C-alpha atoms as a PDB file:
ATOM      1  CA  MET A   1     137.899  99.492 166.694  1.00  0.00           C
ATOM      2  CA  ILE A   2     137.158  97.770 163.368  1.00  0.00           C
ATOM      3  CA  ASP A   3     135.077  94.579 163.086  1.00  0.00           C
ATOM      4  CA  TYR A   4     135.411  91.918 160.393  1.00  0.00           C
ATOM      5  CA  GLN A   5     132.944  89.038 160.052  1.00  0.00           C
ATOM      6  CA  ALA A   6     132.698  85.717 158.265  1.00  0.00           C
ATOM      7  CA  VAL A   7     130.815  82.440 158.558  1.00  0.00           C
ATOM      8  CA  MET A   8     133.200  79.546 159.177  1.00  0.00           C
ATOM      9  CA  MET A   9     133.236  76.307 161.169  1.00  0.00           C
ATOM     10  CA  GLY A  10     129.443  76.392 161.106  1.00  0.00           C
ATOM     11  CA  SER A  11     129.368  79.617 163.142  1.00  0.00           C
ATOM     12  CA  PRO A  12     129.503  83.378 162.615  1.00  0.00           C
ATOM     13  CA  ILE A  13     133.064  84.564 163.243  1.00  0.00           C
ATOM     14  CA  ARG A  14     133.856  88.057 164.501  1.00  0.00           C
ATOM     15  CA  LEU A  15     137.315  89.598 164.471  1.00  0.00           C
ATOM     16  CA  SER A  16     137.874  92.998 166.097  1.00  0.00           C
ATOM     17  CA  LEU A  17     141.143  94.827 165.408  1.00  0.00           C
ATOM     18  CA  SER A  18     142.518  98.050 166.830  1.00  0.00           C
ATOM     19  CA  GLN A  19     142.431  99.727 163.405  1.00  0.00           C
ATOM     20  CA  GLU A  20     141.413  99.021 159.839  1.00  0.00           C
ATOM     21  CA  ASN A  21     143.572  96.287 158.346  1.00  0.00           C
ATOM     22  CA  PRO A  22     141.719  94.120 155.795  1.00  0.00           C
ATOM     23  CA  GLN A  23     144.908  92.288 154.815  1.00  0.00           C
ATOM     24  CA  ARG A  24     145.438  91.135 158.409  1.00  0.00           C
ATOM     25  CA  ALA A  25     141.785  90.137 158.693  1.00  0.00           C
ATOM     26  CA  ARG A  26     142.088  88.030 155.532  1.00  0.00           C
ATOM     27  CA  ALA A  27     145.180  86.351 156.958  1.00  0.00           C
ATOM     28  CA  VAL A  28     143.274  85.486 160.150  1.00  0.00           C
ATOM     29  CA  PHE A  29     140.342  83.993 158.258  1.00  0.00           C
ATOM     30  CA  GLN A  30     142.749  82.019 156.066  1.00  0.00           C
ATOM     31  CA  LEU A  31     144.454  80.685 159.210  1.00  0.00           C
ATOM     32  CA  ILE A  32     141.080  79.589 160.582  1.00  0.00           C
ATOM     33  CA  LYS A  33     140.233  77.890 157.272  1.00  0.00           C
ATOM     34  CA  GLN A  34     143.554  75.999 157.258  1.00  0.00           C
ATOM     35  CA  GLN A  35     143.134  74.775 160.827  1.00  0.00           C
ATOM     36  CA  GLU A  36     139.533  73.745 160.223  1.00  0.00           C
ATOM     37  CA  ALA A  37     140.669  71.615 157.282  1.00  0.00           C
ATOM     38  CA  LEU A  38     142.911  69.686 159.665  1.00  0.00           C
ATOM     39  CA  LEU A  39     140.522  69.224 162.577  1.00  0.00           C
ATOM     40  CA  THR A  40     136.925  69.042 161.372  1.00  0.00           C
ATOM     41  CA  VAL A  41     134.923  65.821 161.119  1.00  0.00           C
ATOM     42  CA  ASN A  42     132.332  67.505 158.914  1.00  0.00           C
ATOM     43  CA  ARG A  43     134.460  67.303 155.761  1.00  0.00           C
ATOM     44  CA  ASP A  44     135.429  64.013 154.148  1.00  0.00           C
ATOM     45  CA  ASP A  45     138.816  65.346 153.063  1.00  0.00           C
ATOM     46  CA  SER A  46     140.037  66.413 156.508  1.00  0.00           C
ATOM     47  CA  LEU A  47     143.012  64.630 158.045  1.00  0.00           C
ATOM     48  CA  LEU A  48     140.966  63.693 161.085  1.00  0.00           C
ATOM     49  CA  MET A  49     138.441  61.933 158.849  1.00  0.00           C
ATOM     50  CA  ALA A  50     141.316  59.934 157.334  1.00  0.00           C
ATOM     51  CA  VAL A  51     141.974  58.582 160.827  1.00  0.00           C
ATOM     52  CA  ASN A  52     138.294  57.762 161.294  1.00  0.00           C
ATOM     53  CA  ARG A  53     137.973  56.017 157.928  1.00  0.00           C
ATOM     54  CA  ALA A  54     140.904  53.744 158.847  1.00  0.00           C
ATOM     55  CA  ALA A  55     139.274  52.644 162.123  1.00  0.00           C
ATOM     56  CA  GLY A  56     139.755  48.926 162.742  1.00  0.00           C
ATOM     57  CA  GLN A  57     142.111  48.641 159.763  1.00  0.00           C
ATOM     58  CA  HIS A  58     145.442  50.424 160.232  1.00  0.00           C
ATOM     59  CA  PRO A  59     147.160  53.364 161.966  1.00  0.00           C
ATOM     60  CA  VAL A  60     147.340  56.722 160.208  1.00  0.00           C
ATOM     61  CA  VAL A  61     150.379  58.986 160.425  1.00  0.00           C
ATOM     62  CA  VAL A  62     149.342  62.571 161.129  1.00  0.00           C
ATOM     63  CA  PRO A  63     151.112  65.939 161.455  1.00  0.00           C
ATOM     64  CA  SER A  64     152.549  66.706 164.888  1.00  0.00           C
ATOM     65  CA  THR A  65     149.860  69.339 165.492  1.00  0.00           C
ATOM     66  CA  ILE A  66     147.042  66.799 165.241  1.00  0.00           C
ATOM     67  CA  PHE A  67     148.989  64.137 167.130  1.00  0.00           C
ATOM     68  CA  HIS A  68     149.668  66.392 170.121  1.00  0.00           C
ATOM     69  CA  LEU A  69     146.097  67.694 170.178  1.00  0.00           C
ATOM     70  CA  VAL A  70     144.698  64.152 170.087  1.00  0.00           C
ATOM     71  CA  SER A  71     147.193  63.134 172.798  1.00  0.00           C
ATOM     72  CA  LEU A  72     145.968  65.931 175.041  1.00  0.00           C
ATOM     73  CA  ALA A  73     142.323  65.104 174.342  1.00  0.00           C
ATOM     74  CA  LEU A  74     142.974  61.437 175.145  1.00  0.00           C
ATOM     75  CA  GLN A  75     144.618  62.302 178.464  1.00  0.00           C
ATOM     76  CA  VAL A  76     141.598  64.384 179.457  1.00  0.00           C
ATOM     77  CA  SER A  77     139.189  61.697 178.249  1.00  0.00           C
ATOM     78  CA  LEU A  78     140.851  59.112 180.506  1.00  0.00           C
ATOM     79  CA  LEU A  79     140.541  61.188 183.674  1.00  0.00           C
ATOM     80  CA  PRO A  80     138.290  59.466 186.254  1.00  0.00           C
ATOM     81  CA  GLY A  81     134.675  60.542 185.776  1.00  0.00           C
ATOM     82  CA  SER A  82     135.525  62.833 182.842  1.00  0.00           C
ATOM     83  CA  LEU A  83     132.585  64.064 180.762  1.00  0.00           C
ATOM     84  CA  PHE A  84     135.102  64.862 178.018  1.00  0.00           C
ATOM     85  CA  ASN A  85     135.456  62.038 175.466  1.00  0.00           C
ATOM     86  CA  LEU A  86     137.233  62.487 172.145  1.00  0.00           C
ATOM     87  CA  ALA A  87     135.883  59.099 170.954  1.00  0.00           C
ATOM     88  CA  ILE A  88     132.249  60.212 171.264  1.00  0.00           C
ATOM     89  CA  GLY A  89     131.777  60.653 167.497  1.00  0.00           C
ATOM     90  CA  PRO A  90     129.421  57.670 166.944  1.00  0.00           C
ATOM     91  CA  LEU A  91     127.133  58.816 169.774  1.00  0.00           C
ATOM     92  CA  VAL A  92     127.062  62.383 168.412  1.00  0.00           C
ATOM     93  CA  LYS A  93     126.080  61.019 165.010  1.00  0.00           C
ATOM     94  CA  ALA A  94     123.355  58.863 166.541  1.00  0.00           C
ATOM     95  CA  TRP A  95     121.698  61.862 168.174  1.00  0.00           C
ATOM     96  CA  ARG A  96     122.431  64.512 165.509  1.00  0.00           C
ATOM     97  CA  ILE A  97     121.469  67.289 167.902  1.00  0.00           C
ATOM     98  CA  GLY A  98     121.949  70.628 166.205  1.00  0.00           C
ATOM     99  CA  PHE A  99     121.739  68.971 162.797  1.00  0.00           C
ATOM    100  CA  ALA A 100     118.729  66.863 161.751  1.00  0.00           C
ATOM    101  CA  GLY A 101     117.931  65.249 165.111  1.00  0.00           C
ATOM    102  CA  ARG A 102     114.388  65.946 166.341  1.00  0.00           C
ATOM    103  CA  SER A 103     113.720  62.894 168.513  1.00  0.00           C
ATOM    104  CA  PRO A 104     115.794  60.443 170.589  1.00  0.00           C
ATOM    105  CA  PRO A 105     117.379  57.681 168.493  1.00  0.00           C
ATOM    106  CA  PRO A 106     116.272  54.073 169.063  1.00  0.00           C
ATOM    107  CA  ILE A 107     117.847  52.409 172.101  1.00  0.00           C
ATOM    108  CA  SER A 108     119.489  49.881 169.768  1.00  0.00           C
ATOM    109  CA  ARG A 109     121.251  52.718 167.910  1.00  0.00           C
ATOM    110  CA  ILE A 110     122.462  54.216 171.194  1.00  0.00           C
ATOM    111  CA  ASN A 111     123.732  50.816 172.371  1.00  0.00           C
ATOM    112  CA  ASP A 112     125.578  50.278 169.077  1.00  0.00           C
ATOM    113  CA  ALA A 113     127.237  53.690 169.440  1.00  0.00           C
ATOM    114  CA  MET A 114     128.123  53.044 173.096  1.00  0.00           C
ATOM    115  CA  ALA A 115     130.191  50.025 172.006  1.00  0.00           C
ATOM    116  CA  LEU A 116     132.396  52.322 169.908  1.00  0.00           C
ATOM    117  CA  ILE A 117     133.162  55.247 172.233  1.00  0.00           C
ATOM    118  CA  ASP A 118     135.696  53.841 174.705  1.00  0.00           C
ATOM    119  CA  PRO A 119     138.783  56.130 174.582  1.00  0.00           C
ATOM    120  CA  HIS A 120     140.911  53.177 175.758  1.00  0.00           C
ATOM    121  CA  ASP A 121     140.491  51.836 172.217  1.00  0.00           C
ATOM    122  CA  ILE A 122     142.545  54.721 170.798  1.00  0.00           C
ATOM    123  CA  VAL A 123     146.196  53.757 170.269  1.00  0.00           C
ATOM    124  CA  LEU A 124     148.824  56.474 169.871  1.00  0.00           C
ATOM    125  CA  ASP A 125     152.371  55.811 168.678  1.00  0.00           C
ATOM    126  CA  ALA A 126     154.532  58.794 169.616  1.00  0.00           C
ATOM    127  CA  GLU A 127     157.531  57.597 167.618  1.00  0.00           C
ATOM    128  CA  ALA A 128     155.562  57.054 164.401  1.00  0.00           C
ATOM    129  CA  GLN A 129     153.196  59.980 165.129  1.00  0.00           C
ATOM    130  CA  SER A 130     150.306  57.691 164.252  1.00  0.00           C
ATOM    131  CA  ILE A 131     146.765  57.188 165.523  1.00  0.00           C
ATOM    132  CA  PHE A 132     144.895  53.881 165.425  1.00  0.00           C
ATOM    133  CA  LEU A 133     141.257  53.282 166.350  1.00  0.00           C
ATOM    134  CA  ARG A 134     140.913  49.616 167.297  1.00  0.00           C
ATOM    135  CA  LYS A 135     137.273  49.077 166.262  1.00  0.00           C
ATOM    136  CA  CYS A 136     135.587  49.611 162.911  1.00  0.00           C
ATOM    137  CA  GLY A 137     133.070  52.432 163.212  1.00  0.00           C
ATOM    138  CA  MET A 138     134.993  54.379 165.856  1.00  0.00           C
ATOM    139  CA  GLU A 139     135.324  58.109 165.250  1.00  0.00           C
ATOM    140  CA  ILE A 140     137.417  60.755 166.941  1.00  0.00           C
ATOM    141  CA  ASP A 141     135.597  64.066 167.366  1.00  0.00           C
ATOM    142  CA  LEU A 142     137.668  67.103 168.396  1.00  0.00           C
ATOM    143  CA  GLY A 143     134.695  69.463 168.205  1.00  0.00           C
ATOM    144  CA  ALA A 144     134.896  70.073 171.955  1.00  0.00           C
ATOM    145  CA  ILE A 145     138.367  71.637 171.672  1.00  0.00           C
ATOM    146  CA  ALA A 146     138.941  72.601 168.027  1.00  0.00           C
ATOM    147  CA  LYS A 147     137.611  76.146 168.412  1.00  0.00           C
ATOM    148  CA  GLY A 148     139.725  76.736 171.498  1.00  0.00           C
ATOM    149  CA  TYR A 149     142.855  75.528 169.764  1.00  0.00           C
ATOM    150  CA  ILE A 150     142.154  77.711 166.723  1.00  0.00           C
ATOM    151  CA  ALA A 151     141.364  80.770 168.875  1.00  0.00           C
ATOM    152  CA  ASP A 152     144.742  80.356 170.581  1.00  0.00           C
ATOM    153  CA  LYS A 153     146.454  80.128 167.176  1.00  0.00           C
ATOM    154  CA  VAL A 154     144.736  83.326 166.031  1.00  0.00           C
ATOM    155  CA  CYS A 155     145.812  85.227 169.157  1.00  0.00           C
ATOM    156  CA  GLN A 156     149.352  83.926 168.777  1.00  0.00           C
ATOM    157  CA  TYR A 157     149.429  85.179 165.173  1.00  0.00           C
ATOM    158  CA  LEU A 158     148.044  88.601 166.121  1.00  0.00           C
ATOM    159  CA  HIS A 159     150.590  88.905 168.925  1.00  0.00           C
ATOM    160  CA  GLU A 160     153.400  88.108 166.451  1.00  0.00           C
ATOM    161  CA  GLN A 161     151.997  90.823 164.171  1.00  0.00           C
ATOM    162  CA  GLN A 162     152.237  93.248 167.119  1.00  0.00           C
ATOM    163  CA  GLU A 163     148.510  93.936 167.112  1.00  0.00           C
ATOM    164  CA  PRO A 164     148.025  96.087 170.268  1.00  0.00           C
ATOM    165  CA  TYR A 165     144.582  94.735 171.101  1.00  0.00           C
ATOM    166  CA  ALA A 166     142.121  92.441 169.380  1.00  0.00           C
ATOM    167  CA  LEU A 167     139.225  90.046 169.924  1.00  0.00           C
ATOM    168  CA  ILE A 168     138.319  86.839 168.126  1.00  0.00           C
ATOM    169  CA  ASN A 169     134.876  85.301 168.623  1.00  0.00           C
ATOM    170  CA  LEU A 170     134.502  81.833 167.139  1.00  0.00           C
ATOM    171  CA  GLY A 171     130.914  81.364 168.310  1.00  0.00           C
ATOM    172  CA  GLY A 172     131.158  80.435 171.985  1.00  0.00           C
ATOM    173  CA  ASN A 173     134.931  80.823 172.163  1.00  0.00           C
ATOM    174  CA  VAL A 174     136.083  84.392 172.768  1.00  0.00           C
ATOM    175  CA  HIS A 175     139.766  85.242 173.079  1.00  0.00           C
ATOM    176  CA  THR A 176     141.127  88.719 173.781  1.00  0.00           C
ATOM    177  CA  LEU A 177     144.522  90.224 173.131  1.00  0.00           C
ATOM    178  CA  ALA A 178     145.498  93.276 175.190  1.00  0.00           C
ATOM    179  CA  ARG A 179     147.328  94.500 178.236  1.00  0.00           C
ATOM    180  CA  PRO A 180     144.985  95.642 181.032  1.00  0.00           C
ATOM    181  CA  GLU A 181     146.351  99.186 181.038  1.00  0.00           C
ATOM    182  CA  HIS A 182     145.482  99.517 177.342  1.00  0.00           C
ATOM    183  CA  HIS A 183     142.077  97.907 176.924  1.00  0.00           C
ATOM    184  CA  LEU A 184     139.405  95.956 178.802  1.00  0.00           C
ATOM    185  CA  TRP A 185     136.998  93.938 176.711  1.00  0.00           C
ATOM    186  CA  GLN A 186     133.369  93.737 177.826  1.00  0.00           C
ATOM    187  CA  ILE A 187     132.097  90.185 177.210  1.00  0.00           C
ATOM    188  CA  GLY A 188     128.392  89.488 177.658  1.00  0.00           C
ATOM    189  CA  LEU A 189     127.159  86.085 178.785  1.00  0.00           C
ATOM    190  CA  ARG A 190     123.849  85.218 177.198  1.00  0.00           C
ATOM    191  CA  LYS A 191     120.931  84.254 179.428  1.00  0.00           C
ATOM    192  CA  PRO A 192     120.093  80.592 178.695  1.00  0.00           C
ATOM    193  CA  PHE A 193     117.049  80.052 176.470  1.00  0.00           C
ATOM    194  CA  ALA A 194     116.509  83.824 176.147  1.00  0.00           C
ATOM    195  CA  SER A 195     117.060  85.991 173.090  1.00  0.00           C
ATOM    196  CA  PRO A 196     120.712  86.436 172.084  1.00  0.00           C
ATOM    197  CA  GLN A 197     120.595  90.064 173.260  1.00  0.00           C
ATOM    198  CA  THR A 198     119.463  89.151 176.811  1.00  0.00           C
ATOM    199  CA  LEU A 199     122.441  88.835 179.151  1.00  0.00           C
ATOM    200  CA  SER A 200     122.895  87.125 182.493  1.00  0.00           C
ATOM    201  CA  ALA A 201     126.351  88.565 183.161  1.00  0.00           C
ATOM    202  CA  ARG A 202     128.961  90.884 181.775  1.00  0.00           C
ATOM    203  CA  LEU A 203     132.675  90.236 182.164  1.00  0.00           C
ATOM    204  CA  ALA A 204     135.516  92.730 181.809  1.00  0.00           C
ATOM    205  CA  VAL A 205     138.637  90.853 180.686  1.00  0.00           C
ATOM    206  CA  SER A 206     141.989  91.573 179.112  1.00  0.00           C
ATOM    207  CA  GLY A 207     144.346  89.085 177.527  1.00  0.00           C
ATOM    208  CA  ARG A 208     142.052  86.250 178.598  1.00  0.00           C
ATOM    209  CA  SER A 209     139.817  83.665 176.986  1.00  0.00           C
ATOM    210  CA  VAL A 210     136.107  83.286 177.750  1.00  0.00           C
ATOM    211  CA  VAL A 211     134.552  79.933 176.793  1.00  0.00           C
ATOM    212  CA  THR A 212     130.985  78.812 177.476  1.00  0.00           C
ATOM    213  CA  SER A 213     129.511  75.318 177.424  1.00  0.00           C
ATOM    214  CA  GLY A 214     125.734  75.405 177.670  1.00  0.00           C
ATOM    215  CA  ILE A 215     122.694  73.349 176.827  1.00  0.00           C
ATOM    216  CA  TYR A 216     120.733  76.153 175.154  1.00  0.00           C
ATOM    217  CA  GLU A 217     122.565  76.499 171.826  1.00  0.00           C
ATOM    218  CA  ARG A 218     121.907  73.042 170.372  1.00  0.00           C
ATOM    219  CA  PHE A 219     118.884  71.108 171.566  1.00  0.00           C
ATOM    220  CA  PHE A 220     115.475  69.841 170.573  1.00  0.00           C
ATOM    221  CA  LEU A 221     112.219  69.382 172.457  1.00  0.00           C
ATOM    222  CA  HIS A 222     110.472  66.010 172.340  1.00  0.00           C
ATOM    223  CA  GLN A 223     107.379  65.172 174.374  1.00  0.00           C
ATOM    224  CA  GLN A 224     107.994  68.233 176.567  1.00  0.00           C
ATOM    225  CA  ARG A 225     111.542  67.218 177.389  1.00  0.00           C
ATOM    226  CA  CYS A 226     114.711  69.057 176.358  1.00  0.00           C
ATOM    227  CA  TYR A 227     117.463  66.969 174.770  1.00  0.00           C
ATOM    228  CA  HIS A 228     120.726  68.940 174.475  1.00  0.00           C
ATOM    229  CA  HIS A 229     124.054  68.250 172.806  1.00  0.00           C
ATOM    230  CA  ILE A 230     126.212  67.670 175.912  1.00  0.00           C
ATOM    231  CA  LEU A 231     126.169  63.883 175.906  1.00  0.00           C
ATOM    232  CA  ASP A 232     127.162  61.593 178.778  1.00  0.00           C
ATOM    233  CA  SER A 233     129.353  58.699 177.613  1.00  0.00           C
ATOM    234  CA  ARG A 234     128.257  56.665 180.644  1.00  0.00           C
ATOM    235  CA  THR A 235     124.557  56.656 179.737  1.00  0.00           C
ATOM    236  CA  GLY A 236     124.402  57.533 176.044  1.00  0.00           C
ATOM    237  CA  TYR A 237     121.976  60.356 176.796  1.00  0.00           C
ATOM    238  CA  PRO A 238     122.327  64.122 177.388  1.00  0.00           C
ATOM    239  CA  LEU A 239     123.753  64.818 180.854  1.00  0.00           C
ATOM    240  CA  ASP A 240     121.103  65.820 183.369  1.00  0.00           C
ATOM    241  CA  ASN A 241     122.424  67.897 186.273  1.00  0.00           C
ATOM    242  CA  ASP A 242     121.915  71.239 188.035  1.00  0.00           C
ATOM    243  CA  LEU A 243     123.566  73.429 185.375  1.00  0.00           C
ATOM    244  CA  LEU A 244     122.455  75.312 182.289  1.00  0.00           C
ATOM    245  CA  SER A 245     125.909  76.634 181.416  1.00  0.00           C
ATOM    246  CA  VAL A 246     129.509  76.946 182.549  1.00  0.00           C
ATOM    247  CA  THR A 247     131.762  79.790 181.401  1.00  0.00           C
ATOM    248  CA  VAL A 248     135.498  79.439 181.970  1.00  0.00           C
ATOM    249  CA  ILE A 249     137.905  82.381 182.060  1.00  0.00           C
ATOM    250  CA  SER A 250     141.515  81.342 181.458  1.00  0.00           C
ATOM    251  CA  GLU A 251     144.673  82.343 179.608  1.00  0.00           C
ATOM    252  CA  SER A 252     144.171  79.687 176.930  1.00  0.00           C
ATOM    253  CA  SER A 253     140.998  79.092 174.947  1.00  0.00           C
ATOM    254  CA  LEU A 254     141.968  75.432 174.538  1.00  0.00           C
ATOM    255  CA  ILE A 255     142.139  75.089 178.323  1.00  0.00           C
ATOM    256  CA  GLY A 256     138.809  76.913 178.516  1.00  0.00           C
ATOM    257  CA  ASP A 257     137.247  74.378 176.148  1.00  0.00           C
ATOM    258  CA  ILE A 258     138.500  71.468 178.213  1.00  0.00           C
ATOM    259  CA  TYR A 259     137.479  72.787 181.598  1.00  0.00           C
ATOM    260  CA  SER A 260     134.106  74.172 180.567  1.00  0.00           C
ATOM    261  CA  THR A 261     133.236  70.570 179.633  1.00  0.00           C
ATOM    262  CA  LEU A 262     134.815  69.000 182.715  1.00  0.00           C
ATOM    263  CA  LEU A 263     133.215  71.485 185.109  1.00  0.00           C
ATOM    264  CA  TYR A 264     129.820  71.076 183.490  1.00  0.00           C
ATOM    265  CA  GLY A 265     130.107  67.362 184.140  1.00  0.00           C
ATOM    266  CA  MET A 266     131.069  67.932 187.783  1.00  0.00           C
ATOM    267  CA  GLY A 267     128.060  70.073 188.670  1.00  0.00           C
ATOM    268  CA  VAL A 268     128.083  73.106 190.970  1.00  0.00           C
ATOM    269  CA  ASP A 269     129.417  71.789 194.276  1.00  0.00           C
ATOM    270  CA  GLU A 270     132.209  69.638 192.882  1.00  0.00           C
ATOM    271  CA  SER A 271     133.215  72.397 190.447  1.00  0.00           C
ATOM    272  CA  LEU A 272     133.509  75.005 193.212  1.00  0.00           C
ATOM    273  CA  ALA A 273     135.593  72.625 195.320  1.00  0.00           C
ATOM    274  CA  TRP A 274     137.931  71.963 192.378  1.00  0.00           C
ATOM    275  CA  LEU A 275     138.193  75.634 191.412  1.00  0.00           C
ATOM    276  CA  SER A 276     139.146  76.622 194.974  1.00  0.00           C
ATOM    277  CA  HIS A 277     142.447  74.792 194.399  1.00  0.00           C
ATOM    278  CA  HIS A 278     143.014  76.160 190.868  1.00  0.00           C
ATOM    279  CA  PRO A 279     143.002  79.977 190.989  1.00  0.00           C
ATOM    280  CA  GLU A 280     144.443  80.177 187.471  1.00  0.00           C
ATOM    281  CA  ILE A 281     141.015  79.142 186.163  1.00  0.00           C
ATOM    282  CA  GLU A 282     137.789  80.967 186.987  1.00  0.00           C
ATOM    283  CA  ALA A 283     134.206  80.121 186.162  1.00  0.00           C
ATOM    284  CA  VAL A 284     130.699  81.525 186.040  1.00  0.00           C
ATOM    285  CA  MET A 285     127.967  78.910 186.381  1.00  0.00           C
ATOM    286  CA  ILE A 286     124.274  79.383 185.676  1.00  0.00           C
ATOM    287  CA  THR A 287     122.005  76.855 187.379  1.00  0.00           C
ATOM    288  CA  ARG A 288     118.605  75.534 186.369  1.00  0.00           C
ATOM    289  CA  ASP A 289     117.160  77.923 188.957  1.00  0.00           C
ATOM    290  CA  ASN A 290     118.872  80.781 187.051  1.00  0.00           C
ATOM    291  CA  ASP A 291     121.228  81.470 189.949  1.00  0.00           C
ATOM    292  CA  ILE A 292     124.581  82.821 188.785  1.00  0.00           C
ATOM    293  CA  ILE A 293     127.608  81.555 190.681  1.00  0.00           C
ATOM    294  CA  CYS A 294     131.104  83.029 190.311  1.00  0.00           C
ATOM    295  CA  SER A 295     134.066  81.031 191.572  1.00  0.00           C
ATOM    296  CA  SER A 296     135.934  84.282 192.282  1.00  0.00           C
ATOM    297  CA  GLN A 297     136.543  87.794 190.977  1.00  0.00           C
ATOM    298  CA  HIS A 298     140.300  87.759 191.318  1.00  0.00           C
ATOM    299  CA  HIS A 299     141.352  88.185 187.697  1.00  0.00           C
ATOM    300  CA  PHE A 300     138.322  89.849 186.184  1.00  0.00           C
ATOM    301  CA  GLN A 301     135.356  92.059 186.898  1.00  0.00           C
ATOM    302  CA  CYS A 302     132.035  90.245 186.908  1.00  0.00           C
ATOM    303  CA  HIS A 303     128.748  92.156 186.988  1.00  0.00           C
ATOM    304  CA  VAL A 304     125.801  89.785 187.394  1.00  0.00           C
ATOM    305  CA  LEU A 305     122.286  89.432 188.764  1.00  0.00           C
ATOM    306  CA  ASN A 306     121.493  86.904 191.514  1.00  0.00           C
ATOM    307  CA  LEU A 307     125.225  86.646 192.203  1.00  0.00           C
ATOM    308  CA  LYS A 308     126.451  83.898 194.553  1.00  0.00           C
ATOM    309  CA  GLN A 309     129.992  82.975 195.530  1.00  0.00           C
END
């Protein structure tokens, strides 16, 4: 097993291949760079920023890849009670958690942002392949699913190259390529607010994606209160519930991104009820009491402490 590393998308990237192949590794990192240029909101020249700059003025025609990804994100955003919101950009910028934010923004700034984050104000034209944001100041933010989409693209490329087994870690999004009889990947789940080497669980997966949404990666402390980056569009503040993290195991990393956010918003009881009807998706939840709850062990091996089912 040969590891290749780079820093991209604001995160350390790890690529593990079955054997030494620097040319293939370069091709993977170039693919990631190309996709990031399409989807990021942290670069003024990205196509997504062109949509945001035209908010309240005119629609912007985009490539089919971006249009379909935005369409999917909009569908999920409009689900009843969904924590997922692709229009949350202005609220993210108001808080700046994980960037320069060190204290809650003024209530007036939050209220101004709240007026610009209604996903119903996003207009898609399937025939023209265009996106229009009705209000000036609106911003689409695909950060919640961009890594998952890119991880899926990387695995698709490696499969086409007949790579027998591989792993891509985009910093919170892990995707594995292998058949179970050939290789099982051991994926550690970090204990919230502990050192990166301290694990709460270890998963053994093959040909699956492992995606975690948690409040311990990006946060700040202010007046003895923790403000994390998972924001609630209904209140304008970080969501406060019984969870520290949700890890989703699924075939697609994009699906993992979506459901790690949705399940986090549901909380433990509602998540377990939903997962009982969707065996194709599995989850490991860590509560504020540091209990570890697995929805099932049907498709993977899960070795944890304080295990509940």
